[in-house]
Amino acid sequence: MAQGKPKNKSILVETLYQENEKRLKLEILSGKGSFHKKITEKDIHSPGLALAGFVDLFTYRRVQVCGNTEQTYLKKLTAAQRIKSLRKVFSFDIPCFVVTAERDMPPEFIDLAKEYQISVFRTPFATTRLIQLLGDYLDEKFAPTAFVHGSMVDVYGIGILLSGRSGIGKSEVALDLVARGHRLVADDVVTICLRTGGFLMGMVNETLQFHMEIRGLGNVDILSMFGIRGIRKQKRVEVQVELVDWDESESYERLGLKEITAEILGVKVPLVRLPIYPGKNISMIVEVIALNQLLKSFGYFAALEFQENILKKMKSKLDLSKDNLDHFFE
């Protein structure tokens, strides 16, 4: 299973604005001077201490959010003091500022932002809400990412990642599952991100979208063919099903007591190795895997339940034999 983890992620200020203009209702106050600058850190910073003159620990490479504290402090200064304070802050290579709750910053703030070519945006959202929304966006953009060769399908609400050697039939199984009423997330290349909270999110590949290559047929468009019911843009990765060629010399799991896991981006995912051969109904088995995982999420483990029942019956028979033996020697 091929994986790749991009390093040194960054996004342009222009990208941040374009992708959040409507969502955060952003208004440009000082032009597009820093649209070409890169945001290289996902965390957000409030520049209150820096405006007060303490810049020793100023994390200027982050998006700077100005709320009530910054506005109130600047308004208490004289015009000359404001200019001195702002010039000290603006001399750093800051990507951009976001002013919250539609506050009006002092005119010197906007004038110097234009002079130093730093874009200032304004939003109607309160500071706490803005940090939450913008933080979620940046978390997604800067999340560790892997690119996995395989297919991903939402089966009964369970995110199933199909993997295996090239040509083993991953796309065909995914197509059959979609035809059975399930939903395709991605085919051929699955983009997987590590989200805050330690879970993996599988997403559609932006280049391939919902196109699928079926050998012997060619490229098919799942969205056009099955409509919106046949796709979804992202889904949590909950089980990996690895399709493997049947090998008589191999010893495959038969009881399901041994839990096997795969590791993606440092996160362990339940792994089912599924041997295939002509005539085997793989799609139906994948549906059963999804249903079994649903039962596990409710605390029911069929294999363990089966084992416990067998052990109880064995113990009962042993106890009964012991009682008969004791009675014989009385």
C-alpha atoms as a PDB file:
ATOM      1  CA  MET A   1       0.000   0.000   0.000  1.00  0.00           C
ATOM      2  CA  ALA A   2       1.764   3.125  -1.234  1.00  0.00           C
ATOM      3  CA  GLN A   3       1.766   6.090   1.040  1.00  0.00           C
ATOM      4  CA  GLY A   4       3.250   9.559   0.810  1.00  0.00           C
ATOM      5  CA  LYS A   5       3.400  12.248   3.430  1.00  0.00           C
ATOM      6  CA  PRO A   6       3.927  15.778   2.130  1.00  0.00           C
ATOM      7  CA  LYS A   7       6.345  17.898   4.115  1.00  0.00           C
ATOM      8  CA  ASN A   8       6.429  21.605   4.845  1.00  0.00           C
ATOM      9  CA  LYS A   9       2.790  22.254   4.072  1.00  0.00           C
ATOM     10  CA  SER A  10       1.684  25.801   3.385  1.00  0.00           C
ATOM     11  CA  ILE A  11      -1.190  27.727   1.853  1.00  0.00           C
ATOM     12  CA  LEU A  12      -1.325  31.169   0.268  1.00  0.00           C
ATOM     13  CA  VAL A  13      -3.166  34.028   1.952  1.00  0.00           C
ATOM     14  CA  GLU A  14      -5.100  34.298  -1.302  1.00  0.00           C
ATOM     15  CA  THR A  15      -6.235  30.676  -0.914  1.00  0.00           C
ATOM     16  CA  LEU A  16      -7.336  31.289   2.666  1.00  0.00           C
ATOM     17  CA  TYR A  17      -9.399  34.276   1.541  1.00  0.00           C
ATOM     18  CA  GLN A  18     -10.967  32.600  -1.499  1.00  0.00           C
ATOM     19  CA  GLU A  19     -11.928  29.446   0.370  1.00  0.00           C
ATOM     20  CA  ASN A  20     -13.349  31.317   3.373  1.00  0.00           C
ATOM     21  CA  GLU A  21     -14.764  34.518   1.875  1.00  0.00           C
ATOM     22  CA  LYS A  22     -18.363  33.324   2.005  1.00  0.00           C
ATOM     23  CA  ARG A  23     -17.985  30.913   4.908  1.00  0.00           C
ATOM     24  CA  LEU A  24     -16.481  33.531   7.243  1.00  0.00           C
ATOM     25  CA  LYS A  25     -18.028  36.548   5.441  1.00  0.00           C
ATOM     26  CA  LEU A  26     -14.610  38.128   4.990  1.00  0.00           C
ATOM     27  CA  GLU A  27     -14.233  41.756   3.966  1.00  0.00           C
ATOM     28  CA  ILE A  28     -10.895  43.119   2.703  1.00  0.00           C
ATOM     29  CA  LEU A  29      -9.879  46.306   4.531  1.00  0.00           C
ATOM     30  CA  SER A  30      -6.347  46.941   3.273  1.00  0.00           C
ATOM     31  CA  GLY A  31      -6.045  45.442  -0.185  1.00  0.00           C
ATOM     32  CA  LYS A  32      -4.454  42.257  -1.473  1.00  0.00           C
ATOM     33  CA  GLY A  33      -0.862  43.170  -0.677  1.00  0.00           C
ATOM     34  CA  SER A  34       0.029  39.905   1.067  1.00  0.00           C
ATOM     35  CA  PHE A  35      -2.071  37.525  -1.032  1.00  0.00           C
ATOM     36  CA  HIS A  36       1.171  36.038  -2.371  1.00  0.00           C
ATOM     37  CA  LYS A  37       2.502  35.244   1.130  1.00  0.00           C
ATOM     38  CA  LYS A  38       2.497  31.711   2.481  1.00  0.00           C
ATOM     39  CA  ILE A  39       0.907  30.651   5.752  1.00  0.00           C
ATOM     40  CA  THR A  40       3.222  27.962   7.111  1.00  0.00           C
ATOM     41  CA  GLU A  41       1.681  27.296  10.536  1.00  0.00           C
ATOM     42  CA  LYS A  42      -1.790  26.014  11.347  1.00  0.00           C
ATOM     43  CA  ASP A  43      -2.072  27.732  14.735  1.00  0.00           C
ATOM     44  CA  ILE A  44      -3.688  31.146  15.160  1.00  0.00           C
ATOM     45  CA  HIS A  45      -2.188  34.004  17.169  1.00  0.00           C
ATOM     46  CA  SER A  46      -3.562  37.069  18.939  1.00  0.00           C
ATOM     47  CA  PRO A  47      -0.991  39.898  18.755  1.00  0.00           C
ATOM     48  CA  GLY A  48      -1.950  41.639  22.008  1.00  0.00           C
ATOM     49  CA  LEU A  49       1.456  41.291  23.683  1.00  0.00           C
ATOM     50  CA  ALA A  50       3.278  42.238  20.492  1.00  0.00           C
ATOM     51  CA  LEU A  51       1.235  45.454  20.202  1.00  0.00           C
ATOM     52  CA  ALA A  52       2.208  46.216  23.817  1.00  0.00           C
ATOM     53  CA  GLY A  53       5.873  45.977  22.805  1.00  0.00           C
ATOM     54  CA  PHE A  54       6.795  42.413  23.811  1.00  0.00           C
ATOM     55  CA  VAL A  55       7.903  40.736  20.591  1.00  0.00           C
ATOM     56  CA  ASP A  56      10.482  38.253  21.942  1.00  0.00           C
ATOM     57  CA  LEU A  57       8.018  35.370  21.500  1.00  0.00           C
ATOM     58  CA  PHE A  58       5.947  36.873  18.701  1.00  0.00           C
ATOM     59  CA  THR A  59       4.769  34.031  16.422  1.00  0.00           C
ATOM     60  CA  TYR A  60       4.359  36.349  13.460  1.00  0.00           C
ATOM     61  CA  ARG A  61       4.202  33.625  10.818  1.00  0.00           C
ATOM     62  CA  ARG A  62       0.702  32.699  11.966  1.00  0.00           C
ATOM     63  CA  VAL A  63      -2.628  34.276  11.022  1.00  0.00           C
ATOM     64  CA  GLN A  64      -3.117  37.173  13.454  1.00  0.00           C
ATOM     65  CA  VAL A  65      -6.592  37.617  14.962  1.00  0.00           C
ATOM     66  CA  CYS A  66      -7.488  41.012  16.403  1.00  0.00           C
ATOM     67  CA  GLY A  67     -10.404  41.084  18.805  1.00  0.00           C
ATOM     68  CA  ASN A  68     -11.701  43.331  21.573  1.00  0.00           C
ATOM     69  CA  THR A  69      -8.406  43.284  23.513  1.00  0.00           C
ATOM     70  CA  GLU A  70      -6.311  44.564  20.602  1.00  0.00           C
ATOM     71  CA  GLN A  71      -8.877  47.164  19.560  1.00  0.00           C
ATOM     72  CA  THR A  72      -9.342  48.522  23.110  1.00  0.00           C
ATOM     73  CA  TYR A  73      -5.588  48.710  23.726  1.00  0.00           C
ATOM     74  CA  LEU A  74      -4.859  50.583  20.500  1.00  0.00           C
ATOM     75  CA  LYS A  75      -7.676  53.079  21.072  1.00  0.00           C
ATOM     76  CA  LYS A  76      -6.240  53.998  24.474  1.00  0.00           C
ATOM     77  CA  LEU A  77      -2.932  55.036  22.890  1.00  0.00           C
ATOM     78  CA  THR A  78      -2.246  58.394  21.322  1.00  0.00           C
ATOM     79  CA  ALA A  79      -1.904  58.531  17.546  1.00  0.00           C
ATOM     80  CA  ALA A  80       1.903  58.752  17.845  1.00  0.00           C
ATOM     81  CA  GLN A  81       2.020  55.804  20.250  1.00  0.00           C
ATOM     82  CA  ARG A  82      -0.217  53.757  17.973  1.00  0.00           C
ATOM     83  CA  ILE A  83       2.007  54.401  14.961  1.00  0.00           C
ATOM     84  CA  LYS A  84       5.128  53.435  16.934  1.00  0.00           C
ATOM     85  CA  SER A  85       3.506  50.256  18.248  1.00  0.00           C
ATOM     86  CA  LEU A  86       2.072  49.243  14.886  1.00  0.00           C
ATOM     87  CA  ARG A  87       5.290  49.882  12.952  1.00  0.00           C
ATOM     88  CA  LYS A  88       7.136  47.586  15.332  1.00  0.00           C
ATOM     89  CA  VAL A  89       4.584  44.819  14.736  1.00  0.00           C
ATOM     90  CA  PHE A  90       4.170  45.366  10.997  1.00  0.00           C
ATOM     91  CA  SER A  91       7.925  45.180  10.458  1.00  0.00           C
ATOM     92  CA  PHE A  92       7.587  41.394  10.875  1.00  0.00           C
ATOM     93  CA  ASP A  93       6.695  39.255   7.861  1.00  0.00           C
ATOM     94  CA  ILE A  94       3.079  38.703   8.925  1.00  0.00           C
ATOM     95  CA  PRO A  95       0.840  36.830   6.454  1.00  0.00           C
ATOM     96  CA  CYS A  96      -2.434  38.590   7.330  1.00  0.00           C
ATOM     97  CA  PHE A  97      -4.739  39.943  10.038  1.00  0.00           C
ATOM     98  CA  VAL A  98      -8.375  39.047  10.728  1.00  0.00           C
ATOM     99  CA  VAL A  99     -10.453  41.579  12.687  1.00  0.00           C
ATOM    100  CA  THR A 100     -13.435  40.009  14.468  1.00  0.00           C
ATOM    101  CA  ALA A 101     -17.014  41.109  15.253  1.00  0.00           C
ATOM    102  CA  GLU A 102     -16.962  43.817  12.538  1.00  0.00           C
ATOM    103  CA  ARG A 103     -14.838  46.034  14.781  1.00  0.00           C
ATOM    104  CA  ASP A 104     -13.464  49.329  13.518  1.00  0.00           C
ATOM    105  CA  MET A 105      -9.724  49.408  14.025  1.00  0.00           C
ATOM    106  CA  PRO A 106      -7.967  52.806  14.369  1.00  0.00           C
ATOM    107  CA  PRO A 107      -7.229  54.455  10.983  1.00  0.00           C
ATOM    108  CA  GLU A 108      -3.474  54.120  11.571  1.00  0.00           C
ATOM    109  CA  PHE A 109      -3.876  50.342  11.640  1.00  0.00           C
ATOM    110  CA  ILE A 110      -5.347  50.201   8.130  1.00  0.00           C
ATOM    111  CA  ASP A 111      -3.015  52.877   6.724  1.00  0.00           C
ATOM    112  CA  LEU A 112       0.124  51.112   7.951  1.00  0.00           C
ATOM    113  CA  ALA A 113      -1.193  47.721   6.830  1.00  0.00           C
ATOM    114  CA  LYS A 114      -1.453  49.153   3.309  1.00  0.00           C
ATOM    115  CA  GLU A 115       2.024  50.680   3.598  1.00  0.00           C
ATOM    116  CA  TYR A 116       3.567  47.373   4.695  1.00  0.00           C
ATOM    117  CA  GLN A 117       1.498  45.391   2.173  1.00  0.00           C
ATOM    118  CA  ILE A 118      -0.272  43.241   4.762  1.00  0.00           C
ATOM    119  CA  SER A 119      -3.828  42.163   4.026  1.00  0.00           C
ATOM    120  CA  VAL A 120      -6.412  42.811   6.738  1.00  0.00           C
ATOM    121  CA  PHE A 121      -9.746  41.008   6.672  1.00  0.00           C
ATOM    122  CA  ARG A 122     -12.830  41.672   8.772  1.00  0.00           C
ATOM    123  CA  THR A 123     -15.509  39.187   9.798  1.00  0.00           C
ATOM    124  CA  PRO A 124     -18.823  39.531  11.671  1.00  0.00           C
ATOM    125  CA  PHE A 125     -18.010  36.458  13.788  1.00  0.00           C
ATOM    126  CA  ALA A 126     -16.956  36.899  17.416  1.00  0.00           C
ATOM    127  CA  THR A 127     -13.352  36.050  18.264  1.00  0.00           C
ATOM    128  CA  THR A 128     -14.079  32.682  19.896  1.00  0.00           C
ATOM    129  CA  ARG A 129     -16.261  31.529  17.015  1.00  0.00           C
ATOM    130  CA  LEU A 130     -13.806  32.807  14.390  1.00  0.00           C
ATOM    131  CA  ILE A 131     -10.916  30.944  16.015  1.00  0.00           C
ATOM    132  CA  GLN A 132     -13.000  27.757  16.059  1.00  0.00           C
ATOM    133  CA  LEU A 133     -14.041  28.010  12.399  1.00  0.00           C
ATOM    134  CA  LEU A 134     -10.689  29.175  11.072  1.00  0.00           C
ATOM    135  CA  GLY A 135      -8.885  26.665  13.279  1.00  0.00           C
ATOM    136  CA  ASP A 136     -10.917  23.798  11.804  1.00  0.00           C
ATOM    137  CA  TYR A 137     -10.069  24.994   8.303  1.00  0.00           C
ATOM    138  CA  LEU A 138      -6.338  25.254   9.030  1.00  0.00           C
ATOM    139  CA  ASP A 139      -6.316  21.898  10.830  1.00  0.00           C
ATOM    140  CA  GLU A 140      -7.658  20.299   7.671  1.00  0.00           C
ATOM    141  CA  LYS A 141      -5.201  22.130   5.404  1.00  0.00           C
ATOM    142  CA  PHE A 142      -2.158  21.262   7.526  1.00  0.00           C
ATOM    143  CA  ALA A 143      -3.204  17.750   8.538  1.00  0.00           C
ATOM    144  CA  PRO A 144      -0.623  14.983   7.930  1.00  0.00           C
ATOM    145  CA  THR A 145      -1.641  13.277   4.704  1.00  0.00           C
ATOM    146  CA  ALA A 146      -1.139   9.905   3.050  1.00  0.00           C
ATOM    147  CA  PHE A 147      -1.997   8.897  -0.497  1.00  0.00           C
ATOM    148  CA  VAL A 148      -3.118   5.278  -0.602  1.00  0.00           C
ATOM    149  CA  HIS A 149      -3.470   3.143  -3.709  1.00  0.00           C
ATOM    150  CA  GLY A 150      -6.888   1.576  -3.355  1.00  0.00           C
ATOM    151  CA  SER A 151     -10.608   2.329  -3.228  1.00  0.00           C
ATOM    152  CA  MET A 152     -12.820   3.615  -0.453  1.00  0.00           C
ATOM    153  CA  VAL A 153     -16.539   3.037  -0.017  1.00  0.00           C
ATOM    154  CA  ASP A 154     -19.096   3.980   2.627  1.00  0.00           C
ATOM    155  CA  VAL A 155     -20.872   0.707   3.416  1.00  0.00           C
ATOM    156  CA  TYR A 156     -23.775   0.964   5.878  1.00  0.00           C
ATOM    157  CA  GLY A 157     -22.108   4.052   7.356  1.00  0.00           C
ATOM    158  CA  ILE A 158     -18.742   2.317   7.842  1.00  0.00           C
ATOM    159  CA  GLY A 159     -15.752   3.652   5.920  1.00  0.00           C
ATOM    160  CA  ILE A 160     -14.145   0.671   4.160  1.00  0.00           C
ATOM    161  CA  LEU A 161     -10.688   1.085   2.614  1.00  0.00           C
ATOM    162  CA  LEU A 162     -10.088  -1.549  -0.067  1.00  0.00           C
ATOM    163  CA  SER A 163      -6.429  -2.356  -0.716  1.00  0.00           C
ATOM    164  CA  GLY A 164      -4.455  -5.029  -2.537  1.00  0.00           C
ATOM    165  CA  ARG A 165      -2.140  -5.563  -5.471  1.00  0.00           C
ATOM    166  CA  SER A 166      -2.730  -3.780  -8.759  1.00  0.00           C
ATOM    167  CA  GLY A 167      -5.344  -5.564 -10.866  1.00  0.00           C
ATOM    168  CA  ILE A 168      -6.757  -7.725  -8.070  1.00  0.00           C
ATOM    169  CA  GLY A 169     -10.221  -6.171  -8.449  1.00  0.00           C
ATOM    170  CA  LYS A 170     -10.524  -3.334  -5.929  1.00  0.00           C
ATOM    171  CA  SER A 171     -12.362  -1.045  -8.345  1.00  0.00           C
ATOM    172  CA  GLU A 172     -14.713  -3.822  -9.456  1.00  0.00           C
ATOM    173  CA  VAL A 173     -15.654  -4.564  -5.839  1.00  0.00           C
ATOM    174  CA  ALA A 174     -16.171  -0.837  -5.166  1.00  0.00           C
ATOM    175  CA  LEU A 175     -18.355  -0.547  -8.291  1.00  0.00           C
ATOM    176  CA  ASP A 176     -20.457  -3.529  -7.252  1.00  0.00           C
ATOM    177  CA  LEU A 177     -20.926  -2.020  -3.783  1.00  0.00           C
ATOM    178  CA  VAL A 178     -22.098   1.272  -5.299  1.00  0.00           C
ATOM    179  CA  ALA A 179     -24.518  -0.663  -7.529  1.00  0.00           C
ATOM    180  CA  ARG A 180     -25.842  -2.325  -4.340  1.00  0.00           C
ATOM    181  CA  GLY A 181     -26.704   1.095  -2.894  1.00  0.00           C
ATOM    182  CA  HIS A 182     -23.495   2.086  -1.078  1.00  0.00           C
ATOM    183  CA  ARG A 183     -21.416   5.204  -1.729  1.00  0.00           C
ATOM    184  CA  LEU A 184     -18.042   5.718  -3.371  1.00  0.00           C
ATOM    185  CA  VAL A 185     -15.549   8.025  -1.646  1.00  0.00           C
ATOM    186  CA  ALA A 186     -12.521   7.541  -3.900  1.00  0.00           C
ATOM    187  CA  ASP A 187     -10.994   5.119  -6.373  1.00  0.00           C
ATOM    188  CA  ASP A 188      -7.412   4.389  -7.422  1.00  0.00           C
ATOM    189  CA  VAL A 189      -5.900   7.049  -5.111  1.00  0.00           C
ATOM    190  CA  VAL A 190      -7.455   7.704  -1.698  1.00  0.00           C
ATOM    191  CA  THR A 191      -6.329  10.855   0.124  1.00  0.00           C
ATOM    192  CA  ILE A 192      -6.206  10.144   3.870  1.00  0.00           C
ATOM    193  CA  CYS A 193      -5.720  12.906   6.444  1.00  0.00           C
ATOM    194  CA  LEU A 194      -5.012  12.618  10.161  1.00  0.00           C
ATOM    195  CA  ARG A 195      -7.578  14.854  11.814  1.00  0.00           C
ATOM    196  CA  THR A 196      -7.523  16.446  15.262  1.00  0.00           C
ATOM    197  CA  GLY A 197      -8.659  13.772  17.695  1.00  0.00           C
ATOM    198  CA  GLY A 198      -6.492  11.079  16.137  1.00  0.00           C
ATOM    199  CA  PHE A 199      -8.883   9.698  13.528  1.00  0.00           C
ATOM    200  CA  LEU A 200      -8.308   9.175   9.814  1.00  0.00           C
ATOM    201  CA  MET A 201     -10.457  10.813   7.165  1.00  0.00           C
ATOM    202  CA  GLY A 202     -10.516   9.397   3.657  1.00  0.00           C
ATOM    203  CA  MET A 203     -11.310  11.902   0.927  1.00  0.00           C
ATOM    204  CA  VAL A 204     -11.936  12.037  -2.787  1.00  0.00           C
ATOM    205  CA  ASN A 205      -8.878  12.773  -4.893  1.00  0.00           C
ATOM    206  CA  GLU A 206      -9.299  16.267  -6.338  1.00  0.00           C
ATOM    207  CA  THR A 207      -7.854  15.260  -9.715  1.00  0.00           C
ATOM    208  CA  LEU A 208      -9.701  11.982 -10.240  1.00  0.00           C
ATOM    209  CA  GLN A 209     -12.922  13.090  -8.521  1.00  0.00           C
ATOM    210  CA  PHE A 210     -15.481  10.257  -8.794  1.00  0.00           C
ATOM    211  CA  HIS A 211     -14.110   8.656 -11.936  1.00  0.00           C
ATOM    212  CA  MET A 212     -13.312   4.966 -11.828  1.00  0.00           C
ATOM    213  CA  GLU A 213     -11.159   2.830 -14.126  1.00  0.00           C
ATOM    214  CA  ILE A 214     -12.612  -0.600 -14.882  1.00  0.00           C
ATOM    215  CA  ARG A 215     -10.194  -2.811 -16.786  1.00  0.00           C
ATOM    216  CA  GLY A 216     -11.652  -3.919 -20.095  1.00  0.00           C
ATOM    217  CA  LEU A 217     -14.266  -1.143 -19.993  1.00  0.00           C
ATOM    218  CA  GLY A 218     -12.307   2.027 -19.322  1.00  0.00           C
ATOM    219  CA  ASN A 219     -13.170   5.140 -17.356  1.00  0.00           C
ATOM    220  CA  VAL A 220     -16.656   5.594 -15.885  1.00  0.00           C
ATOM    221  CA  ASP A 221     -18.129   8.574 -14.046  1.00  0.00           C
ATOM    222  CA  ILE A 222     -19.878   7.321 -10.900  1.00  0.00           C
ATOM    223  CA  LEU A 223     -21.541  10.682 -10.166  1.00  0.00           C
ATOM    224  CA  SER A 224     -23.118  10.893 -13.631  1.00  0.00           C
ATOM    225  CA  MET A 225     -24.076   7.233 -13.621  1.00  0.00           C
ATOM    226  CA  PHE A 226     -25.487   6.783 -10.109  1.00  0.00           C
ATOM    227  CA  GLY A 227     -26.193  10.362  -9.078  1.00  0.00           C
ATOM    228  CA  ILE A 228     -25.561  12.051  -5.748  1.00  0.00           C
ATOM    229  CA  ARG A 229     -26.741   8.956  -3.838  1.00  0.00           C
ATOM    230  CA  GLY A 230     -23.741   7.002  -5.101  1.00  0.00           C
ATOM    231  CA  ILE A 231     -20.974   9.258  -3.779  1.00  0.00           C
ATOM    232  CA  ARG A 232     -19.675  11.157  -0.786  1.00  0.00           C
ATOM    233  CA  LYS A 233     -16.665  13.464  -0.568  1.00  0.00           C
ATOM    234  CA  GLN A 234     -15.171  12.134   2.647  1.00  0.00           C
ATOM    235  CA  LYS A 235     -15.612   9.410   5.230  1.00  0.00           C
ATOM    236  CA  ARG A 236     -13.801   8.259   8.315  1.00  0.00           C
ATOM    237  CA  VAL A 237     -11.555   5.232   7.701  1.00  0.00           C
ATOM    238  CA  GLU A 238     -12.844   2.520  10.037  1.00  0.00           C
ATOM    239  CA  VAL A 239     -11.773  -0.792   8.464  1.00  0.00           C
ATOM    240  CA  GLN A 240      -9.174  -1.756   5.885  1.00  0.00           C
ATOM    241  CA  VAL A 241     -10.015  -4.763   3.727  1.00  0.00           C
ATOM    242  CA  GLU A 242      -6.957  -6.150   1.955  1.00  0.00           C
ATOM    243  CA  LEU A 243      -7.774  -8.339  -1.031  1.00  0.00           C
ATOM    244  CA  VAL A 244      -5.191 -11.117  -1.407  1.00  0.00           C
ATOM    245  CA  ASP A 245      -4.834 -13.993  -3.866  1.00  0.00           C
ATOM    246  CA  TRP A 246      -5.962 -17.363  -2.554  1.00  0.00           C
ATOM    247  CA  ASP A 247      -3.041 -19.492  -1.432  1.00  0.00           C
ATOM    248  CA  GLU A 248      -3.708 -23.036  -0.237  1.00  0.00           C
ATOM    249  CA  SER A 249      -0.511 -23.013   1.818  1.00  0.00           C
ATOM    250  CA  GLU A 250      -1.660 -19.993   3.818  1.00  0.00           C
ATOM    251  CA  SER A 251      -3.533 -20.279   7.109  1.00  0.00           C
ATOM    252  CA  TYR A 252      -6.357 -17.743   7.036  1.00  0.00           C
ATOM    253  CA  GLU A 253      -8.310 -16.469  10.049  1.00  0.00           C
ATOM    254  CA  ARG A 254     -11.411 -18.603  10.595  1.00  0.00           C
ATOM    255  CA  LEU A 255     -12.783 -17.621  14.002  1.00  0.00           C
ATOM    256  CA  GLY A 256     -12.107 -13.889  14.033  1.00  0.00           C
ATOM    257  CA  LEU A 257     -10.636 -13.962  17.540  1.00  0.00           C
ATOM    258  CA  LYS A 258      -7.302 -12.538  16.490  1.00  0.00           C
ATOM    259  CA  GLU A 259      -7.576  -8.810  15.785  1.00  0.00           C
ATOM    260  CA  ILE A 260      -5.171  -7.655  13.084  1.00  0.00           C
ATOM    261  CA  THR A 261      -4.451  -3.992  12.466  1.00  0.00           C
ATOM    262  CA  ALA A 262      -2.821  -1.881   9.779  1.00  0.00           C
ATOM    263  CA  GLU A 263      -1.096   1.419  10.502  1.00  0.00           C
ATOM    264  CA  ILE A 264      -1.736   4.592   8.519  1.00  0.00           C
ATOM    265  CA  LEU A 265      -0.118   7.858   9.629  1.00  0.00           C
ATOM    266  CA  GLY A 266       0.601   6.278  13.008  1.00  0.00           C
ATOM    267  CA  VAL A 267      -3.044   5.295  13.590  1.00  0.00           C
ATOM    268  CA  LYS A 268      -4.008   1.624  13.865  1.00  0.00           C
ATOM    269  CA  VAL A 269      -6.989   0.516  11.776  1.00  0.00           C
ATOM    270  CA  PRO A 270      -8.730  -2.897  11.962  1.00  0.00           C
ATOM    271  CA  LEU A 271      -7.483  -5.020   9.053  1.00  0.00           C
ATOM    272  CA  VAL A 272      -9.260  -7.904   7.355  1.00  0.00           C
ATOM    273  CA  ARG A 273      -7.216  -9.944   4.868  1.00  0.00           C
ATOM    274  CA  LEU A 274      -9.725 -11.379   2.436  1.00  0.00           C
ATOM    275  CA  PRO A 275      -8.527 -14.204   0.166  1.00  0.00           C
ATOM    276  CA  ILE A 276     -10.301 -14.178  -3.201  1.00  0.00           C
ATOM    277  CA  TYR A 277     -10.889 -16.694  -5.946  1.00  0.00           C
ATOM    278  CA  PRO A 278     -13.295 -16.920  -8.918  1.00  0.00           C
ATOM    279  CA  GLY A 279     -16.933 -17.122  -7.886  1.00  0.00           C
ATOM    280  CA  LYS A 280     -16.472 -15.744  -4.380  1.00  0.00           C
ATOM    281  CA  ASN A 281     -18.950 -12.967  -3.549  1.00  0.00           C
ATOM    282  CA  ILE A 282     -16.534 -10.348  -2.257  1.00  0.00           C
ATOM    283  CA  SER A 283     -19.064  -7.504  -2.203  1.00  0.00           C
ATOM    284  CA  MET A 284     -21.428  -9.399   0.076  1.00  0.00           C
ATOM    285  CA  ILE A 285     -18.559 -10.290   2.409  1.00  0.00           C
ATOM    286  CA  VAL A 286     -17.493  -6.624   2.571  1.00  0.00           C
ATOM    287  CA  GLU A 287     -21.080  -5.760   3.547  1.00  0.00           C
ATOM    288  CA  VAL A 288     -20.872  -8.354   6.337  1.00  0.00           C
ATOM    289  CA  ILE A 289     -17.528  -6.873   7.458  1.00  0.00           C
ATOM    290  CA  ALA A 290     -19.201  -3.450   7.696  1.00  0.00           C
ATOM    291  CA  LEU A 291     -22.162  -4.827   9.651  1.00  0.00           C
ATOM    292  CA  ASN A 292     -19.818  -6.711  11.966  1.00  0.00           C
ATOM    293  CA  GLN A 293     -17.902  -3.493  12.614  1.00  0.00           C
ATOM    294  CA  LEU A 294     -21.191  -1.756  13.416  1.00  0.00           C
ATOM    295  CA  LEU A 295     -21.948  -4.455  15.988  1.00  0.00           C
ATOM    296  CA  LYS A 296     -18.500  -3.942  17.514  1.00  0.00           C
ATOM    297  CA  SER A 297     -19.195  -0.225  17.850  1.00  0.00           C
ATOM    298  CA  PHE A 298     -22.173  -1.207  20.007  1.00  0.00           C
ATOM    299  CA  GLY A 299     -20.000  -3.498  22.127  1.00  0.00           C
ATOM    300  CA  TYR A 300     -20.977  -6.830  20.574  1.00  0.00           C
ATOM    301  CA  PHE A 301     -18.095  -9.053  19.388  1.00  0.00           C
ATOM    302  CA  ALA A 302     -19.542 -12.103  17.653  1.00  0.00           C
ATOM    303  CA  ALA A 303     -16.319 -14.135  17.738  1.00  0.00           C
ATOM    304  CA  LEU A 304     -15.791 -13.559  21.463  1.00  0.00           C
ATOM    305  CA  GLU A 305     -19.456 -14.297  22.175  1.00  0.00           C
ATOM    306  CA  PHE A 306     -19.159 -17.561  20.244  1.00  0.00           C
ATOM    307  CA  GLN A 307     -15.988 -18.515  22.142  1.00  0.00           C
ATOM    308  CA  GLU A 308     -17.572 -17.777  25.518  1.00  0.00           C
ATOM    309  CA  ASN A 309     -20.631 -19.903  24.672  1.00  0.00           C
ATOM    310  CA  ILE A 310     -18.424 -22.828  23.642  1.00  0.00           C
ATOM    311  CA  LEU A 311     -16.363 -22.542  26.831  1.00  0.00           C
ATOM    312  CA  LYS A 312     -19.522 -22.447  28.951  1.00  0.00           C
ATOM    313  CA  LYS A 313     -20.854 -25.619  27.309  1.00  0.00           C
ATOM    314  CA  MET A 314     -17.511 -27.374  27.760  1.00  0.00           C
ATOM    315  CA  LYS A 315     -17.387 -26.366  31.413  1.00  0.00           C
ATOM    316  CA  SER A 316     -20.976 -27.497  31.922  1.00  0.00           C
ATOM    317  CA  LYS A 317     -20.207 -30.942  30.470  1.00  0.00           C
ATOM    318  CA  LEU A 318     -17.061 -31.259  32.572  1.00  0.00           C
ATOM    319  CA  ASP A 319     -18.974 -30.351  35.734  1.00  0.00           C
ATOM    320  CA  LEU A 320     -21.688 -32.853  34.851  1.00  0.00           C
ATOM    321  CA  SER A 321     -19.136 -35.638  34.277  1.00  0.00           C
ATOM    322  CA  LYS A 322     -17.499 -34.849  37.609  1.00  0.00           C
ATOM    323  CA  ASP A 323     -20.864 -35.083  39.434  1.00  0.00           C
ATOM    324  CA  ASN A 324     -21.591 -38.484  37.859  1.00  0.00           C
ATOM    325  CA  LEU A 325     -18.169 -39.734  38.833  1.00  0.00           C
ATOM    326  CA  ASP A 326     -18.572 -38.592  42.440  1.00  0.00           C
ATOM    327  CA  HIS A 327     -21.983 -40.268  42.621  1.00  0.00           C
ATOM    328  CA  PHE A 328     -20.486 -43.549  41.351  1.00  0.00           C
ATOM    329  CA  PHE A 329     -17.981 -43.730  44.263  1.00  0.00           C
ATOM    330  CA  GLU A 330     -20.549 -42.905  46.987  1.00  0.00           C
END
